[in-house]
């Protein structure tokens, strides 16, 4: 695996039905509304929410600019997408499964980082960049539940 390539399998538990969780995750243009402090902006391209240009950040002092392109949705269980820009992926997926009264969510995310400073420092600082990713994901799990709670 190249030094600037990463593989993540993040797992969330969201205490809401799959259909509601799917509806939120399937709309990346809405991520800044609930995934505050991570997704700074999300702009649909070509008037189509299948492709969304985003600016995101973690705890470290840099921003990432990339496009999320939805390539397949199987409501309420699967969202497959690609990324291009500072992150590049061939295919990544949100996978949802019922778990008790809520939803188990897995993000299978395989980015190759192309942002020059992160790409250059990845051989030395990969553990720090992984920590940064984990921070964003813990925040996302907490904030999607808060968002859905407010929508009730």
N, C-alpha and C. Protein backbone atom coordinates (compact mmCIF):
# COMPACT_ATOMS: atom_id res chain seq x y z
N UNK A 1 0.86 -1.18 0.00
CA UNK A 1 0.00 0.00 0.00
C UNK A 1 0.90 1.24 0.00
N UNK A 2 0.61 2.17 -0.88
CA UNK A 2 1.37 3.41 -0.95
C UNK A 2 1.25 4.18 0.36
N UNK A 3 2.26 4.95 0.69
CA UNK A 3 2.28 5.69 1.95
C UNK A 3 1.12 6.67 2.06
N UNK A 4 0.60 7.17 0.94
CA UNK A 4 -0.51 8.12 0.98
C UNK A 4 -1.87 7.44 0.80
N UNK A 5 -1.89 6.10 0.83
CA UNK A 5 -3.15 5.34 0.72
C UNK A 5 -3.57 4.88 2.11
N UNK A 6 -4.86 4.93 2.36
CA UNK A 6 -5.42 4.56 3.66
C UNK A 6 -6.59 3.61 3.45
N UNK A 7 -6.84 2.80 4.46
CA UNK A 7 -8.02 1.94 4.47
C UNK A 7 -8.67 2.09 5.84
N UNK A 8 -9.94 2.48 5.84
CA UNK A 8 -10.69 2.64 7.09
C UNK A 8 -11.97 1.82 7.01
N UNK A 9 -12.32 1.19 8.11
CA UNK A 9 -13.65 0.59 8.29
C UNK A 9 -14.17 1.13 9.61
N UNK A 10 -14.94 2.19 9.51
CA UNK A 10 -15.47 2.85 10.70
C UNK A 10 -16.86 2.34 10.98
N UNK A 11 -17.14 2.16 12.26
CA UNK A 11 -18.45 1.63 12.67
C UNK A 11 -19.12 2.59 13.64
N UNK A 12 -20.37 2.89 13.31
CA UNK A 12 -21.20 3.74 14.17
C UNK A 12 -22.41 2.94 14.61
N UNK A 13 -22.96 3.35 15.74
CA UNK A 13 -24.30 2.92 16.11
C UNK A 13 -25.13 4.19 16.21
N UNK A 14 -26.21 4.26 15.43
CA UNK A 14 -27.08 5.43 15.44
C UNK A 14 -28.45 4.95 15.93
N UNK A 15 -28.93 5.50 17.06
CA UNK A 15 -30.16 4.99 17.67
C UNK A 15 -31.45 5.46 16.98
N UNK A 16 -31.48 5.30 15.65
CA UNK A 16 -32.65 5.67 14.86
C UNK A 16 -32.81 4.63 13.75
N UNK A 17 -34.02 4.50 13.19
CA UNK A 17 -34.28 3.51 12.13
C UNK A 17 -33.41 3.75 10.89
N UNK A 18 -33.12 2.67 10.21
CA UNK A 18 -32.26 2.71 9.02
C UNK A 18 -32.72 3.73 7.98
N UNK A 19 -34.01 3.80 7.73
CA UNK A 19 -34.52 4.70 6.70
C UNK A 19 -34.15 6.15 7.00
N UNK A 20 -34.24 6.52 8.27
CA UNK A 20 -33.91 7.91 8.64
C UNK A 20 -32.41 8.16 8.54
N UNK A 21 -31.61 7.21 8.96
CA UNK A 21 -30.15 7.35 8.88
C UNK A 21 -29.73 7.40 7.42
N UNK A 22 -30.29 6.52 6.60
CA UNK A 22 -29.99 6.52 5.17
C UNK A 22 -30.29 7.87 4.55
N UNK A 23 -31.47 8.43 4.86
CA UNK A 23 -31.87 9.71 4.28
C UNK A 23 -30.85 10.81 4.57
N UNK A 24 -30.23 10.78 5.74
CA UNK A 24 -29.22 11.79 6.09
C UNK A 24 -27.90 11.51 5.37
N UNK A 25 -27.44 10.27 5.40
CA UNK A 25 -26.15 9.94 4.79
C UNK A 25 -26.18 10.03 3.27
N UNK A 26 -27.33 9.86 2.66
CA UNK A 26 -27.45 9.87 1.20
C UNK A 26 -27.41 11.28 0.62
N UNK A 27 -27.36 12.30 1.47
CA UNK A 27 -27.36 13.69 1.00
C UNK A 27 -26.10 14.42 1.46
N UNK A 28 -24.96 14.18 0.82
CA UNK A 28 -23.73 14.85 1.26
C UNK A 28 -23.80 16.37 1.19
N UNK A 29 -24.69 16.91 0.36
CA UNK A 29 -24.84 18.37 0.32
C UNK A 29 -25.35 18.93 1.64
N UNK A 30 -25.91 18.07 2.48
CA UNK A 30 -26.43 18.47 3.79
C UNK A 30 -25.44 18.20 4.93
N UNK A 31 -24.31 17.57 4.67
CA UNK A 31 -23.37 17.22 5.74
C UNK A 31 -22.97 18.42 6.61
N UNK A 32 -22.74 19.61 6.04
CA UNK A 32 -22.37 20.73 6.92
C UNK A 32 -23.44 21.10 7.95
N UNK A 33 -24.70 20.75 7.69
CA UNK A 33 -25.78 21.06 8.64
C UNK A 33 -25.65 20.25 9.93
N UNK A 34 -25.17 19.01 9.81
CA UNK A 34 -25.14 18.18 11.01
C UNK A 34 -23.72 17.76 11.40
N UNK A 35 -22.80 17.64 10.45
CA UNK A 35 -21.43 17.19 10.74
C UNK A 35 -20.56 18.44 10.89
N UNK A 36 -21.02 19.29 11.83
CA UNK A 36 -20.40 20.60 12.05
C UNK A 36 -18.95 20.46 12.51
N UNK A 37 -18.13 21.39 12.05
CA UNK A 37 -16.73 21.39 12.44
C UNK A 37 -15.88 20.45 11.61
N UNK A 38 -16.51 19.62 10.78
CA UNK A 38 -15.78 18.72 9.88
C UNK A 38 -16.09 19.12 8.44
N UNK A 39 -17.36 19.06 8.05
CA UNK A 39 -17.76 19.50 6.71
C UNK A 39 -18.07 20.99 6.77
N UNK A 40 -17.21 21.78 6.15
CA UNK A 40 -17.35 23.23 6.20
C UNK A 40 -18.27 23.75 5.11
N UNK A 41 -18.27 23.09 3.96
CA UNK A 41 -19.19 23.45 2.89
C UNK A 41 -19.42 22.23 2.00
N UNK A 42 -20.54 22.25 1.29
CA UNK A 42 -20.89 21.18 0.36
C UNK A 42 -21.79 21.78 -0.71
N UNK A 43 -21.29 21.81 -1.93
CA UNK A 43 -22.00 22.48 -3.03
C UNK A 43 -22.30 21.48 -4.14
N UNK A 44 -23.58 21.26 -4.43
CA UNK A 44 -23.92 20.37 -5.56
C UNK A 44 -23.35 20.93 -6.86
N UNK A 45 -22.82 20.05 -7.69
CA UNK A 45 -22.25 20.44 -8.98
C UNK A 45 -23.23 20.13 -10.10
N UNK A 46 -23.22 20.93 -11.12
CA UNK A 46 -24.06 20.70 -12.31
C UNK A 46 -25.54 20.62 -11.94
N UNK A 47 -25.96 21.26 -10.85
CA UNK A 47 -27.35 21.22 -10.44
C UNK A 47 -27.82 19.85 -10.03
N UNK A 48 -26.88 18.96 -9.72
CA UNK A 48 -27.20 17.56 -9.43
C UNK A 48 -26.54 17.17 -8.11
N UNK A 49 -27.30 16.67 -7.17
CA UNK A 49 -26.71 16.30 -5.88
C UNK A 49 -25.97 14.96 -5.94
N UNK A 50 -25.88 14.36 -7.14
CA UNK A 50 -25.04 13.15 -7.28
C UNK A 50 -23.57 13.49 -7.11
N UNK A 51 -23.17 14.72 -7.48
CA UNK A 51 -21.79 15.18 -7.34
C UNK A 51 -21.79 16.43 -6.48
N UNK A 52 -21.02 16.36 -5.40
CA UNK A 52 -21.00 17.46 -4.44
C UNK A 52 -19.56 17.82 -4.13
N UNK A 53 -19.21 19.10 -4.32
CA UNK A 53 -17.88 19.60 -3.97
C UNK A 53 -17.89 19.97 -2.49
N UNK A 54 -16.95 19.41 -1.72
CA UNK A 54 -16.93 19.68 -0.29
C UNK A 54 -15.58 20.23 0.14
N UNK A 55 -15.63 20.97 1.24
CA UNK A 55 -14.43 21.39 1.97
C UNK A 55 -14.60 20.82 3.37
N UNK A 56 -13.60 20.08 3.82
CA UNK A 56 -13.69 19.43 5.13
C UNK A 56 -12.38 19.61 5.88
N UNK A 57 -12.46 19.36 7.19
CA UNK A 57 -11.27 19.46 8.03
C UNK A 57 -11.40 18.48 9.19
N UNK A 58 -10.32 18.28 9.87
CA UNK A 58 -10.31 17.50 11.10
C UNK A 58 -9.77 18.38 12.22
N UNK A 59 -9.07 17.78 13.16
CA UNK A 59 -8.45 18.55 14.24
C UNK A 59 -7.15 19.21 13.81
N UNK A 60 -6.51 18.65 12.81
CA UNK A 60 -5.23 19.20 12.34
C UNK A 60 -5.50 20.44 11.49
N UNK A 61 -4.54 21.36 11.41
CA UNK A 61 -4.79 22.67 10.79
C UNK A 61 -4.65 22.69 9.26
N UNK A 62 -5.44 21.88 8.58
CA UNK A 62 -5.48 21.95 7.13
C UNK A 62 -6.89 21.58 6.67
N UNK A 63 -7.24 22.00 5.47
CA UNK A 63 -8.53 21.69 4.88
C UNK A 63 -8.32 20.77 3.69
N UNK A 64 -9.33 19.96 3.42
CA UNK A 64 -9.32 19.07 2.26
C UNK A 64 -10.48 19.46 1.35
N UNK A 65 -10.19 19.56 0.07
CA UNK A 65 -11.21 19.88 -0.93
C UNK A 65 -11.35 18.68 -1.85
N UNK A 66 -12.56 18.17 -1.95
CA UNK A 66 -12.77 17.00 -2.81
C UNK A 66 -14.22 16.95 -3.25
N UNK A 67 -14.47 16.12 -4.24
CA UNK A 67 -15.82 15.92 -4.76
C UNK A 67 -16.28 14.52 -4.39
N UNK A 68 -17.49 14.43 -3.87
CA UNK A 68 -18.13 13.15 -3.59
C UNK A 68 -19.11 12.89 -4.73
N UNK A 69 -18.96 11.74 -5.37
CA UNK A 69 -19.88 11.37 -6.44
C UNK A 69 -20.60 10.09 -6.06
N UNK A 70 -21.91 10.18 -5.90
CA UNK A 70 -22.72 9.00 -5.59
C UNK A 70 -22.82 8.15 -6.85
N UNK A 71 -22.44 6.87 -6.73
CA UNK A 71 -22.50 5.99 -7.90
C UNK A 71 -23.58 4.93 -7.81
N UNK A 72 -24.06 4.67 -6.58
CA UNK A 72 -25.13 3.68 -6.43
C UNK A 72 -25.78 3.85 -5.06
N UNK A 73 -27.09 3.75 -5.04
CA UNK A 73 -27.83 3.74 -3.79
C UNK A 73 -28.83 2.60 -3.82
N UNK A 74 -28.86 1.84 -2.73
CA UNK A 74 -29.86 0.80 -2.53
C UNK A 74 -30.53 1.09 -1.19
N UNK A 75 -31.53 1.99 -1.19
CA UNK A 75 -32.18 2.37 0.07
C UNK A 75 -32.79 1.15 0.76
N UNK A 76 -32.73 1.07 2.05
CA UNK A 76 -32.00 1.94 2.97
C UNK A 76 -30.68 1.33 3.43
N UNK A 77 -30.04 0.50 2.60
CA UNK A 77 -28.90 -0.29 3.06
C UNK A 77 -27.53 0.12 2.54
N UNK A 78 -27.45 0.77 1.40
CA UNK A 78 -26.14 0.97 0.78
C UNK A 78 -26.06 2.30 0.04
N UNK A 79 -24.95 3.00 0.23
CA UNK A 79 -24.60 4.18 -0.55
C UNK A 79 -23.16 3.97 -1.01
N UNK A 80 -22.96 3.86 -2.31
CA UNK A 80 -21.61 3.71 -2.86
C UNK A 80 -21.22 5.02 -3.50
N UNK A 81 -19.96 5.42 -3.30
CA UNK A 81 -19.51 6.71 -3.82
C UNK A 81 -18.03 6.66 -4.17
N UNK A 82 -17.64 7.64 -4.96
CA UNK A 82 -16.23 7.87 -5.29
C UNK A 82 -15.88 9.27 -4.81
N UNK A 83 -14.59 9.50 -4.66
CA UNK A 83 -14.10 10.83 -4.33
C UNK A 83 -12.98 11.20 -5.29
N UNK A 84 -12.86 12.50 -5.55
CA UNK A 84 -11.76 13.01 -6.36
C UNK A 84 -11.34 14.36 -5.79
N UNK A 85 -10.10 14.72 -6.03
CA UNK A 85 -9.56 15.97 -5.49
C UNK A 85 -8.47 15.65 -4.49
N UNK A 86 -8.51 16.28 -3.31
CA UNK A 86 -7.51 16.00 -2.27
C UNK A 86 -7.60 14.57 -1.76
N UNK A 87 -8.80 13.96 -1.87
CA UNK A 87 -9.00 12.53 -1.63
C UNK A 87 -9.38 11.90 -2.96
N UNK A 88 -8.85 10.72 -3.25
CA UNK A 88 -9.23 9.98 -4.45
C UNK A 88 -9.59 8.56 -4.00
N UNK A 89 -10.76 8.09 -4.43
CA UNK A 89 -11.16 6.71 -4.16
C UNK A 89 -11.77 6.12 -5.43
N UNK A 90 -11.59 4.83 -5.61
CA UNK A 90 -12.30 4.14 -6.68
C UNK A 90 -13.73 3.88 -6.26
N UNK A 91 -13.90 3.32 -5.06
CA UNK A 91 -15.24 3.05 -4.55
C UNK A 91 -15.17 2.93 -3.04
N UNK A 92 -16.05 3.65 -2.38
CA UNK A 92 -16.20 3.55 -0.93
C UNK A 92 -17.69 3.40 -0.66
N UNK A 93 -18.03 2.96 0.57
CA UNK A 93 -19.44 2.63 0.82
C UNK A 93 -19.85 2.94 2.25
N UNK A 94 -21.07 3.42 2.38
CA UNK A 94 -21.80 3.41 3.64
C UNK A 94 -22.70 2.18 3.59
N UNK A 95 -22.60 1.32 4.59
CA UNK A 95 -23.42 0.11 4.68
C UNK A 95 -24.24 0.21 5.96
N UNK A 96 -25.55 0.07 5.87
CA UNK A 96 -26.44 0.19 7.01
C UNK A 96 -27.14 -1.14 7.27
N UNK A 97 -27.25 -1.49 8.55
CA UNK A 97 -27.95 -2.71 8.96
C UNK A 97 -28.76 -2.41 10.21
N UNK A 98 -29.95 -3.05 10.33
CA UNK A 98 -30.72 -2.83 11.57
C UNK A 98 -29.97 -3.44 12.75
N UNK A 99 -30.02 -2.75 13.86
CA UNK A 99 -29.39 -3.26 15.09
C UNK A 99 -30.27 -2.82 16.25
N UNK A 100 -31.04 -3.75 16.78
CA UNK A 100 -31.96 -3.41 17.86
C UNK A 100 -32.94 -2.36 17.39
N UNK A 101 -33.05 -1.28 18.16
CA UNK A 101 -33.95 -0.16 17.81
C UNK A 101 -33.29 0.83 16.87
N UNK A 102 -32.02 0.61 16.55
CA UNK A 102 -31.29 1.59 15.76
C UNK A 102 -30.63 0.99 14.53
N UNK A 103 -29.52 1.60 14.14
CA UNK A 103 -28.84 1.24 12.90
C UNK A 103 -27.34 1.12 13.14
N UNK A 104 -26.78 0.01 12.67
CA UNK A 104 -25.33 -0.14 12.62
C UNK A 104 -24.88 0.40 11.27
N UNK A 105 -23.93 1.31 11.30
CA UNK A 105 -23.42 1.95 10.08
C UNK A 105 -21.95 1.61 9.96
N UNK A 106 -21.54 1.17 8.78
CA UNK A 106 -20.12 0.94 8.50
C UNK A 106 -19.74 1.81 7.32
N UNK A 107 -18.66 2.54 7.48
CA UNK A 107 -18.09 3.28 6.37
C UNK A 107 -16.84 2.55 5.94
N UNK A 108 -16.85 2.07 4.71
CA UNK A 108 -15.67 1.46 4.09
C UNK A 108 -15.07 2.53 3.19
N UNK A 109 -13.97 3.10 3.63
CA UNK A 109 -13.40 4.30 3.01
C UNK A 109 -11.94 4.01 2.69
N UNK A 110 -11.58 4.11 1.42
CA UNK A 110 -10.23 3.76 0.95
C UNK A 110 -9.59 4.93 0.22
N UNK A 111 -9.33 6.01 0.91
CA UNK A 111 -8.80 7.18 0.19
C UNK A 111 -7.29 7.09 -0.07
N UNK A 112 -6.94 7.66 -1.18
CA UNK A 112 -5.54 7.98 -1.45
C UNK A 112 -5.48 9.49 -1.35
N UNK A 113 -4.62 9.99 -0.49
CA UNK A 113 -4.56 11.43 -0.24
C UNK A 113 -3.62 12.06 -1.25
N UNK A 114 -4.15 13.05 -1.96
CA UNK A 114 -3.37 13.75 -2.98
C UNK A 114 -3.03 15.18 -2.59
N UNK A 115 -3.56 15.67 -1.47
CA UNK A 115 -3.18 17.02 -1.02
C UNK A 115 -1.68 17.01 -0.77
N UNK A 116 -0.91 17.87 -1.45
CA UNK A 116 0.55 17.76 -1.42
C UNK A 116 1.18 17.63 -0.04
N UNK A 117 0.82 18.47 0.90
CA UNK A 117 1.48 18.41 2.21
C UNK A 117 1.17 17.10 2.94
N UNK A 118 -0.06 16.62 2.86
CA UNK A 118 -0.43 15.37 3.53
C UNK A 118 0.21 14.19 2.81
N UNK A 119 0.21 14.23 1.48
CA UNK A 119 0.83 13.16 0.70
C UNK A 119 2.32 13.06 1.04
N UNK A 120 2.99 14.20 1.10
CA UNK A 120 4.42 14.24 1.38
C UNK A 120 4.73 13.74 2.79
N UNK A 121 3.88 14.10 3.77
CA UNK A 121 4.15 13.74 5.16
C UNK A 121 3.58 12.38 5.57
N UNK A 122 2.77 11.77 4.73
CA UNK A 122 2.15 10.49 5.08
C UNK A 122 3.15 9.41 5.51
N UNK A 123 4.31 9.26 4.85
CA UNK A 123 5.23 8.21 5.31
C UNK A 123 5.65 8.37 6.77
N UNK A 124 5.75 9.62 7.23
CA UNK A 124 6.18 9.87 8.61
C UNK A 124 5.02 10.02 9.59
N UNK A 125 3.93 10.61 9.13
CA UNK A 125 2.86 11.01 10.05
C UNK A 125 1.56 10.23 9.87
N UNK A 126 1.62 9.08 9.24
CA UNK A 126 0.40 8.29 9.00
C UNK A 126 -0.39 8.05 10.29
N UNK A 127 0.26 7.70 11.43
CA UNK A 127 -0.52 7.52 12.65
C UNK A 127 -1.27 8.80 13.09
N UNK A 128 -0.66 9.95 12.88
CA UNK A 128 -1.32 11.21 13.23
C UNK A 128 -2.50 11.47 12.30
N UNK A 129 -2.36 11.18 11.03
CA UNK A 129 -3.46 11.37 10.09
C UNK A 129 -4.60 10.38 10.37
N UNK A 130 -4.26 9.17 10.81
CA UNK A 130 -5.30 8.20 11.21
C UNK A 130 -6.06 8.71 12.43
N UNK A 131 -5.32 9.25 13.39
CA UNK A 131 -5.95 9.84 14.58
C UNK A 131 -6.91 10.95 14.17
N UNK A 132 -6.50 11.79 13.24
CA UNK A 132 -7.32 12.89 12.75
C UNK A 132 -8.61 12.35 12.13
N UNK A 133 -8.50 11.29 11.34
CA UNK A 133 -9.68 10.66 10.74
C UNK A 133 -10.60 10.12 11.85
N UNK A 134 -10.02 9.44 12.82
CA UNK A 134 -10.84 8.88 13.91
C UNK A 134 -11.58 9.97 14.66
N UNK A 135 -10.96 11.12 14.86
CA UNK A 135 -11.62 12.25 15.53
C UNK A 135 -12.85 12.67 14.72
N UNK A 136 -12.69 12.79 13.38
CA UNK A 136 -13.82 13.23 12.57
C UNK A 136 -14.96 12.22 12.62
N UNK A 137 -14.62 10.93 12.67
CA UNK A 137 -15.65 9.90 12.67
C UNK A 137 -16.38 9.84 14.02
N UNK A 138 -15.67 9.96 15.11
CA UNK A 138 -16.34 10.00 16.42
C UNK A 138 -17.31 11.18 16.49
N UNK A 139 -16.87 12.30 15.96
CA UNK A 139 -17.71 13.49 15.92
C UNK A 139 -18.95 13.24 15.05
N UNK A 140 -18.76 12.61 13.88
CA UNK A 140 -19.89 12.32 13.00
C UNK A 140 -20.92 11.42 13.66
N UNK A 141 -20.46 10.38 14.35
CA UNK A 141 -21.39 9.47 15.02
C UNK A 141 -22.23 10.20 16.07
N UNK A 142 -21.59 11.05 16.82
CA UNK A 142 -22.31 11.81 17.85
C UNK A 142 -23.27 12.82 17.22
N UNK A 143 -22.80 13.52 16.20
CA UNK A 143 -23.61 14.60 15.63
C UNK A 143 -24.77 14.12 14.78
N UNK A 144 -24.65 12.97 14.10
CA UNK A 144 -25.80 12.49 13.33
C UNK A 144 -26.93 12.10 14.28
N UNK A 145 -26.59 11.53 15.43
CA UNK A 145 -27.63 11.18 16.42
C UNK A 145 -28.28 12.45 16.97
N UNK A 146 -27.48 13.47 17.28
CA UNK A 146 -28.06 14.75 17.76
C UNK A 146 -28.98 15.35 16.71
N UNK A 147 -28.55 15.34 15.47
CA UNK A 147 -29.33 15.91 14.37
C UNK A 147 -30.67 15.18 14.22
N UNK A 148 -30.63 13.86 14.22
CA UNK A 148 -31.87 13.09 14.09
C UNK A 148 -32.78 13.27 15.29
N UNK A 149 -32.21 13.42 16.46
CA UNK A 149 -32.99 13.67 17.66
C UNK A 149 -33.75 15.00 17.53
N UNK A 150 -33.10 16.02 17.02
CA UNK A 150 -33.74 17.34 16.84
C UNK A 150 -34.82 17.30 15.76
N UNK A 151 -34.68 16.39 14.80
CA UNK A 151 -35.64 16.29 13.71
C UNK A 151 -36.92 15.55 14.11
N UNK A 152 -36.91 14.96 15.29
CA UNK A 152 -38.05 14.16 15.73
C UNK A 152 -39.21 15.03 16.15
